[in-house]
Amino acid sequence: MRCTRCEGLMVREKFEDLGALGPNDYEYAGWRCINCGEIVDPVIAAHRRLTSRPVASHSALTTV
């Protein structure tokens, strides 16, 4: 997998939920770029899908 920010190599990594500092801590998997440090986990990926705008099928520029 390649990083969308820098095209670097993404590696699978486990992260810990730091919000729950008790016995109910849990881990989740995500991706981290070894080049720039970009992190993508399931929550980040879902948010990007929801907020991304579709690319226009025609050019916004017109010639006169």
N, C-alpha and C. Protein backbone atom coordinates (compact mmCIF):
# COMPACT_ATOMS: atom_id res chain seq x y z
N MET A 1 0.85 -1.17 0.00
CA MET A 1 0.00 0.00 0.00
C MET A 1 0.89 1.23 0.00
N ARG A 2 0.49 2.25 -0.74
CA ARG A 2 1.25 3.50 -0.85
C ARG A 2 0.54 4.64 -0.12
N CYS A 3 1.31 5.53 0.44
CA CYS A 3 0.80 6.69 1.17
C CYS A 3 0.19 7.70 0.20
N THR A 4 -0.97 8.22 0.54
CA THR A 4 -1.61 9.23 -0.32
C THR A 4 -0.93 10.58 -0.20
N ARG A 5 -0.19 10.80 0.87
CA ARG A 5 0.47 12.08 1.08
C ARG A 5 1.80 12.16 0.33
N CYS A 6 2.65 11.11 0.46
CA CYS A 6 4.00 11.19 -0.10
C CYS A 6 4.38 10.02 -1.01
N GLU A 7 3.45 9.08 -1.21
CA GLU A 7 3.70 7.87 -2.02
C GLU A 7 4.70 6.93 -1.36
N GLY A 8 4.95 7.11 -0.06
CA GLY A 8 5.85 6.23 0.68
C GLY A 8 5.18 4.89 0.99
N LEU A 9 5.93 4.01 1.59
CA LEU A 9 5.45 2.68 1.93
C LEU A 9 4.64 2.72 3.22
N MET A 10 3.42 2.16 3.18
CA MET A 10 2.56 2.07 4.35
C MET A 10 2.74 0.68 4.96
N VAL A 11 2.90 0.63 6.28
CA VAL A 11 3.03 -0.64 6.98
C VAL A 11 1.89 -0.79 7.98
N ARG A 12 1.47 -2.02 8.17
CA ARG A 12 0.39 -2.30 9.11
C ARG A 12 0.93 -2.17 10.53
N GLU A 13 0.12 -1.55 11.39
CA GLU A 13 0.57 -1.33 12.76
C GLU A 13 -0.64 -1.43 13.70
N LYS A 14 -0.38 -1.83 14.95
CA LYS A 14 -1.44 -1.87 15.96
C LYS A 14 -1.34 -0.63 16.82
N PHE A 15 -2.49 -0.04 17.11
CA PHE A 15 -2.57 1.16 17.94
C PHE A 15 -3.41 0.84 19.16
N GLU A 16 -3.16 1.56 20.25
CA GLU A 16 -3.93 1.39 21.47
C GLU A 16 -4.86 2.57 21.66
N ASP A 17 -6.05 2.31 22.19
CA ASP A 17 -7.00 3.37 22.51
C ASP A 17 -6.55 4.01 23.81
N LEU A 18 -6.07 5.24 23.74
CA LEU A 18 -5.57 5.92 24.94
C LEU A 18 -6.68 6.62 25.72
N GLY A 19 -7.89 6.67 25.15
CA GLY A 19 -9.01 7.30 25.83
C GLY A 19 -9.49 6.50 27.02
N ALA A 20 -9.38 5.20 26.95
CA ALA A 20 -9.82 4.34 28.05
C ALA A 20 -8.57 3.87 28.80
N LEU A 21 -8.27 4.52 29.89
CA LEU A 21 -7.05 4.21 30.63
C LEU A 21 -7.26 3.14 31.70
N GLY A 22 -8.30 2.37 31.57
CA GLY A 22 -8.57 1.33 32.56
C GLY A 22 -8.36 -0.04 31.96
N PRO A 23 -8.97 -1.03 32.58
CA PRO A 23 -8.82 -2.42 32.12
C PRO A 23 -9.54 -2.70 30.80
N ASN A 24 -10.32 -1.73 30.30
CA ASN A 24 -11.06 -1.93 29.06
C ASN A 24 -10.31 -1.40 27.84
N ASP A 25 -9.01 -1.20 27.96
CA ASP A 25 -8.21 -0.75 26.81
C ASP A 25 -8.32 -1.76 25.69
N TYR A 26 -8.25 -1.27 24.47
CA TYR A 26 -8.25 -2.18 23.35
C TYR A 26 -7.32 -1.67 22.25
N GLU A 27 -6.94 -2.58 21.39
CA GLU A 27 -6.06 -2.25 20.27
C GLU A 27 -6.85 -2.32 18.97
N TYR A 28 -6.39 -1.57 17.99
CA TYR A 28 -6.99 -1.63 16.66
C TYR A 28 -5.87 -1.50 15.63
N ALA A 29 -6.13 -2.01 14.45
CA ALA A 29 -5.11 -2.02 13.40
C ALA A 29 -5.29 -0.82 12.48
N GLY A 30 -4.19 -0.37 11.94
CA GLY A 30 -4.20 0.73 10.99
C GLY A 30 -2.94 0.67 10.14
N TRP A 31 -2.69 1.72 9.39
CA TRP A 31 -1.53 1.81 8.51
C TRP A 31 -0.74 3.06 8.86
N ARG A 32 0.60 2.95 8.82
CA ARG A 32 1.48 4.09 9.08
C ARG A 32 2.53 4.15 7.98
N CYS A 33 2.75 5.36 7.45
CA CYS A 33 3.76 5.55 6.41
C CYS A 33 5.13 5.63 7.08
N ILE A 34 6.07 4.82 6.60
CA ILE A 34 7.41 4.84 7.20
C ILE A 34 8.22 6.04 6.71
N ASN A 35 7.71 6.74 5.71
CA ASN A 35 8.42 7.89 5.17
C ASN A 35 8.00 9.19 5.85
N CYS A 36 6.69 9.49 5.90
CA CYS A 36 6.23 10.77 6.44
C CYS A 36 5.45 10.65 7.74
N GLY A 37 5.09 9.44 8.16
CA GLY A 37 4.37 9.26 9.41
C GLY A 37 2.86 9.32 9.31
N GLU A 38 2.31 9.50 8.12
CA GLU A 38 0.85 9.52 7.92
C GLU A 38 0.24 8.27 8.53
N ILE A 39 -0.86 8.42 9.27
CA ILE A 39 -1.56 7.30 9.87
C ILE A 39 -2.97 7.23 9.31
N VAL A 40 -3.39 6.03 8.93
CA VAL A 40 -4.75 5.80 8.46
C VAL A 40 -5.29 4.59 9.21
N ASP A 41 -6.38 4.81 9.94
CA ASP A 41 -7.07 3.72 10.62
C ASP A 41 -8.50 3.66 10.09
N PRO A 42 -9.32 2.72 10.53
CA PRO A 42 -10.67 2.62 9.99
C PRO A 42 -11.52 3.89 10.18
N VAL A 43 -11.34 4.61 11.28
CA VAL A 43 -12.12 5.83 11.51
C VAL A 43 -11.67 6.93 10.55
N ILE A 44 -10.38 7.09 10.37
CA ILE A 44 -9.86 8.11 9.45
C ILE A 44 -10.31 7.80 8.03
N ALA A 45 -10.21 6.53 7.61
CA ALA A 45 -10.61 6.14 6.26
C ALA A 45 -12.10 6.39 6.02
N ALA A 46 -12.95 6.08 7.00
CA ALA A 46 -14.39 6.30 6.86
C ALA A 46 -14.69 7.79 6.75
N HIS A 47 -14.04 8.60 7.56
CA HIS A 47 -14.25 10.05 7.52
C HIS A 47 -13.84 10.62 6.16
N ARG A 48 -12.74 10.15 5.63
CA ARG A 48 -12.28 10.64 4.32
C ARG A 48 -13.26 10.25 3.21
N ARG A 49 -13.84 9.03 3.31
CA ARG A 49 -14.84 8.63 2.32
C ARG A 49 -16.08 9.51 2.39
N LEU A 50 -16.49 9.87 3.61
CA LEU A 50 -17.70 10.67 3.78
C LEU A 50 -17.51 12.12 3.36
N THR A 51 -16.32 12.65 3.54
CA THR A 51 -16.08 14.08 3.28
C THR A 51 -15.43 14.36 1.94
N SER A 52 -15.05 13.32 1.20
CA SER A 52 -14.41 13.57 -0.09
C SER A 52 -15.47 14.01 -1.10
N ARG A 53 -15.08 14.93 -1.94
CA ARG A 53 -15.99 15.43 -2.97
C ARG A 53 -15.68 14.74 -4.29
N PRO A 54 -16.73 14.37 -5.04
CA PRO A 54 -16.47 13.73 -6.34
C PRO A 54 -15.85 14.73 -7.32
N VAL A 55 -14.99 14.22 -8.17
CA VAL A 55 -14.34 15.04 -9.18
C VAL A 55 -15.33 15.32 -10.30
N ALA A 56 -15.38 16.56 -10.75
CA ALA A 56 -16.31 16.93 -11.83
C ALA A 56 -15.95 16.18 -13.11
N SER A 57 -16.97 15.77 -13.84
CA SER A 57 -16.73 15.00 -15.06
C SER A 57 -16.37 15.89 -16.24
N HIS A 58 -16.59 17.19 -16.12
CA HIS A 58 -16.23 18.11 -17.20
C HIS A 58 -15.39 19.25 -16.63
N SER A 59 -14.67 19.88 -17.47
CA SER A 59 -13.77 20.95 -17.04
C SER A 59 -14.56 22.17 -16.61
N ALA A 60 -14.13 22.82 -15.54
CA ALA A 60 -14.79 24.02 -15.07
C ALA A 60 -14.37 25.24 -15.89
N LEU A 61 -13.28 25.12 -16.61
CA LEU A 61 -12.81 26.22 -17.43
C LEU A 61 -13.48 26.18 -18.79
N THR A 62 -13.81 27.34 -19.30
CA THR A 62 -14.39 27.42 -20.64
C THR A 62 -13.52 28.29 -21.51
N THR A 63 -13.54 28.03 -22.77
CA THR A 63 -12.77 28.85 -23.71
C THR A 63 -13.70 29.86 -24.36
N VAL A 64 -13.17 31.03 -24.59
CA VAL A 64 -13.98 32.11 -25.18
C VAL A 64 -13.49 32.40 -26.57
